[in-house]
Amino acid sequence: FSVMSCVPLTNHVWEMASDLAWKLDRSGAVMQATDLLIAASALAADAALLTHDLDFRRVPGLTVLDNLEE
Protein backbone atom coordinates (compact mmCIF):
# COMPACT_ATOMS: atom_id res chain seq x y z
CA PHE A 1 0.00 0.00 0.00
CA SER A 2 2.97 2.34 0.34
CA VAL A 3 2.98 2.99 -3.43
CA MET A 4 -0.70 3.94 -3.59
CA SER A 5 -1.69 7.53 -4.26
CA CYS A 6 -4.49 9.34 -2.49
CA VAL A 7 -6.46 11.36 -5.02
CA PRO A 8 -8.89 13.89 -3.55
CA LEU A 9 -12.45 13.75 -4.89
CA THR A 10 -12.61 17.27 -6.27
CA ASN A 11 -15.44 18.71 -8.33
CA HIS A 12 -13.29 18.04 -11.39
CA VAL A 13 -13.09 14.30 -10.60
CA TRP A 14 -16.86 14.13 -10.02
CA GLU A 15 -17.44 15.87 -13.37
CA MET A 16 -15.03 13.48 -15.10
CA ALA A 17 -16.90 10.51 -13.59
CA SER A 18 -20.21 11.93 -14.78
CA ASP A 19 -18.89 12.52 -18.30
CA LEU A 20 -17.39 9.04 -18.35
CA ALA A 21 -20.72 7.51 -17.28
CA TRP A 22 -22.48 9.35 -20.09
CA LYS A 23 -19.93 8.30 -22.73
CA LEU A 24 -19.91 4.66 -21.64
CA ASP A 25 -23.71 4.57 -21.51
CA ARG A 26 -23.90 5.88 -25.09
CA SER A 27 -21.63 3.04 -26.17
CA GLY A 28 -23.83 0.47 -24.41
CA ALA A 29 -21.62 -0.04 -21.37
CA VAL A 30 -22.65 0.58 -17.77
CA MET A 31 -20.31 0.87 -14.78
CA GLN A 32 -21.04 1.23 -11.09
CA ALA A 33 -20.67 4.72 -9.63
CA THR A 34 -17.80 3.66 -7.38
CA ASP A 35 -15.88 2.25 -10.36
CA LEU A 36 -16.52 5.45 -12.32
CA LEU A 37 -15.05 7.49 -9.47
CA ILE A 38 -12.03 5.20 -9.25
CA ALA A 39 -11.46 5.46 -13.01
CA ALA A 40 -11.90 9.25 -13.00
CA SER A 41 -9.50 9.58 -10.07
CA ALA A 42 -6.85 7.53 -11.87
CA LEU A 43 -7.31 9.57 -15.05
CA ALA A 44 -7.11 12.85 -13.11
CA ALA A 45 -3.88 11.74 -11.44
CA ASP A 46 -2.49 10.36 -14.72
CA ALA A 47 -2.03 7.08 -12.86
CA ALA A 48 -2.29 3.45 -13.88
CA LEU A 49 -4.91 1.31 -12.17
CA LEU A 50 -3.93 -2.10 -10.78
CA THR A 51 -6.98 -4.38 -10.88
CA HIS A 52 -8.37 -7.68 -12.14
CA ASP A 53 -11.76 -6.05 -12.82
CA LEU A 54 -12.18 -6.18 -16.59
CA ASP A 55 -14.78 -3.39 -16.56
CA PHE A 56 -11.98 -0.83 -16.24
CA ARG A 57 -10.55 -1.88 -19.62
CA ARG A 58 -13.57 -0.19 -21.24
CA VAL A 59 -12.49 3.23 -19.96
CA PRO A 60 -10.83 5.21 -22.77
CA GLY A 61 -7.38 6.51 -21.92
CA LEU A 62 -7.07 4.56 -18.67
CA THR A 63 -3.95 2.43 -18.22
CA VAL A 64 -5.04 -0.81 -16.55
CA LEU A 65 -2.53 -3.28 -15.11
CA ASP A 66 -3.47 -6.73 -13.89
CA ASN A 67 -0.12 -7.46 -12.27
CA LEU A 68 2.92 -5.50 -11.16
CA GLU A 69 5.23 -6.98 -13.78
CA GLU A 70 3.81 -5.03 -16.74
C-alpha atoms as a PDB file:
ATOM      1  CA  PHE A   1       0.000   0.000   0.000  1.00  0.00           C
ATOM      2  CA  SER A   2       2.973   2.335   0.336  1.00  0.00           C
ATOM      3  CA  VAL A   3       2.980   2.991  -3.427  1.00  0.00           C
ATOM      4  CA  MET A   4      -0.699   3.938  -3.590  1.00  0.00           C
ATOM      5  CA  SER A   5      -1.686   7.530  -4.258  1.00  0.00           C
ATOM      6  CA  CYS A   6      -4.485   9.343  -2.491  1.00  0.00           C
ATOM      7  CA  VAL A   7      -6.464  11.359  -5.018  1.00  0.00           C
ATOM      8  CA  PRO A   8      -8.894  13.894  -3.548  1.00  0.00           C
ATOM      9  CA  LEU A   9     -12.452  13.754  -4.893  1.00  0.00           C
ATOM     10  CA  THR A  10     -12.605  17.272  -6.270  1.00  0.00           C
ATOM     11  CA  ASN A  11     -15.442  18.713  -8.329  1.00  0.00           C
ATOM     12  CA  HIS A  12     -13.292  18.045 -11.389  1.00  0.00           C
ATOM     13  CA  VAL A  13     -13.089  14.303 -10.605  1.00  0.00           C
ATOM     14  CA  TRP A  14     -16.863  14.135 -10.017  1.00  0.00           C
ATOM     15  CA  GLU A  15     -17.441  15.865 -13.372  1.00  0.00           C
ATOM     16  CA  MET A  16     -15.034  13.479 -15.100  1.00  0.00           C
ATOM     17  CA  ALA A  17     -16.899  10.507 -13.594  1.00  0.00           C
ATOM     18  CA  SER A  18     -20.210  11.929 -14.780  1.00  0.00           C
ATOM     19  CA  ASP A  19     -18.889  12.516 -18.303  1.00  0.00           C
ATOM     20  CA  LEU A  20     -17.389   9.044 -18.353  1.00  0.00           C
ATOM     21  CA  ALA A  21     -20.716   7.505 -17.280  1.00  0.00           C
ATOM     22  CA  TRP A  22     -22.482   9.347 -20.093  1.00  0.00           C
ATOM     23  CA  LYS A  23     -19.933   8.296 -22.734  1.00  0.00           C
ATOM     24  CA  LEU A  24     -19.910   4.662 -21.639  1.00  0.00           C
ATOM     25  CA  ASP A  25     -23.715   4.568 -21.509  1.00  0.00           C
ATOM     26  CA  ARG A  26     -23.900   5.875 -25.090  1.00  0.00           C
ATOM     27  CA  SER A  27     -21.625   3.036 -26.171  1.00  0.00           C
ATOM     28  CA  GLY A  28     -23.828   0.474 -24.414  1.00  0.00           C
ATOM     29  CA  ALA A  29     -21.617  -0.038 -21.365  1.00  0.00           C
ATOM     30  CA  VAL A  30     -22.647   0.576 -17.768  1.00  0.00           C
ATOM     31  CA  MET A  31     -20.313   0.872 -14.784  1.00  0.00           C
ATOM     32  CA  GLN A  32     -21.037   1.228 -11.092  1.00  0.00           C
ATOM     33  CA  ALA A  33     -20.672   4.720  -9.632  1.00  0.00           C
ATOM     34  CA  THR A  34     -17.798   3.657  -7.382  1.00  0.00           C
ATOM     35  CA  ASP A  35     -15.885   2.248 -10.362  1.00  0.00           C
ATOM     36  CA  LEU A  36     -16.525   5.453 -12.322  1.00  0.00           C
ATOM     37  CA  LEU A  37     -15.053   7.492  -9.469  1.00  0.00           C
ATOM     38  CA  ILE A  38     -12.029   5.199  -9.250  1.00  0.00           C
ATOM     39  CA  ALA A  39     -11.461   5.458 -13.008  1.00  0.00           C
ATOM     40  CA  ALA A  40     -11.904   9.245 -13.005  1.00  0.00           C
ATOM     41  CA  SER A  41      -9.499   9.577 -10.071  1.00  0.00           C
ATOM     42  CA  ALA A  42      -6.853   7.532 -11.872  1.00  0.00           C
ATOM     43  CA  LEU A  43      -7.314   9.571 -15.045  1.00  0.00           C
ATOM     44  CA  ALA A  44      -7.107  12.854 -13.111  1.00  0.00           C
ATOM     45  CA  ALA A  45      -3.883  11.739 -11.445  1.00  0.00           C
ATOM     46  CA  ASP A  46      -2.491  10.359 -14.723  1.00  0.00           C
ATOM     47  CA  ALA A  47      -2.031   7.077 -12.860  1.00  0.00           C
ATOM     48  CA  ALA A  48      -2.290   3.448 -13.878  1.00  0.00           C
ATOM     49  CA  LEU A  49      -4.908   1.306 -12.168  1.00  0.00           C
ATOM     50  CA  LEU A  50      -3.932  -2.102 -10.783  1.00  0.00           C
ATOM     51  CA  THR A  51      -6.983  -4.377 -10.878  1.00  0.00           C
ATOM     52  CA  HIS A  52      -8.365  -7.681 -12.140  1.00  0.00           C
ATOM     53  CA  ASP A  53     -11.762  -6.051 -12.819  1.00  0.00           C
ATOM     54  CA  LEU A  54     -12.175  -6.183 -16.591  1.00  0.00           C
ATOM     55  CA  ASP A  55     -14.777  -3.385 -16.557  1.00  0.00           C
ATOM     56  CA  PHE A  56     -11.982  -0.834 -16.244  1.00  0.00           C
ATOM     57  CA  ARG A  57     -10.554  -1.881 -19.616  1.00  0.00           C
ATOM     58  CA  ARG A  58     -13.572  -0.190 -21.237  1.00  0.00           C
ATOM     59  CA  VAL A  59     -12.488   3.235 -19.964  1.00  0.00           C
ATOM     60  CA  PRO A  60     -10.830   5.205 -22.771  1.00  0.00           C
ATOM     61  CA  GLY A  61      -7.381   6.510 -21.919  1.00  0.00           C
ATOM     62  CA  LEU A  62      -7.074   4.556 -18.671  1.00  0.00           C
ATOM     63  CA  THR A  63      -3.953   2.427 -18.221  1.00  0.00           C
ATOM     64  CA  VAL A  64      -5.039  -0.814 -16.552  1.00  0.00           C
ATOM     65  CA  LEU A  65      -2.527  -3.282 -15.106  1.00  0.00           C
ATOM     66  CA  ASP A  66      -3.474  -6.729 -13.890  1.00  0.00           C
ATOM     67  CA  ASN A  67      -0.117  -7.459 -12.274  1.00  0.00           C
ATOM     68  CA  LEU A  68       2.922  -5.502 -11.158  1.00  0.00           C
ATOM     69  CA  GLU A  69       5.230  -6.983 -13.777  1.00  0.00           C
ATOM     70  CA  GLU A  70       3.810  -5.027 -16.743  1.00  0.00           C
END
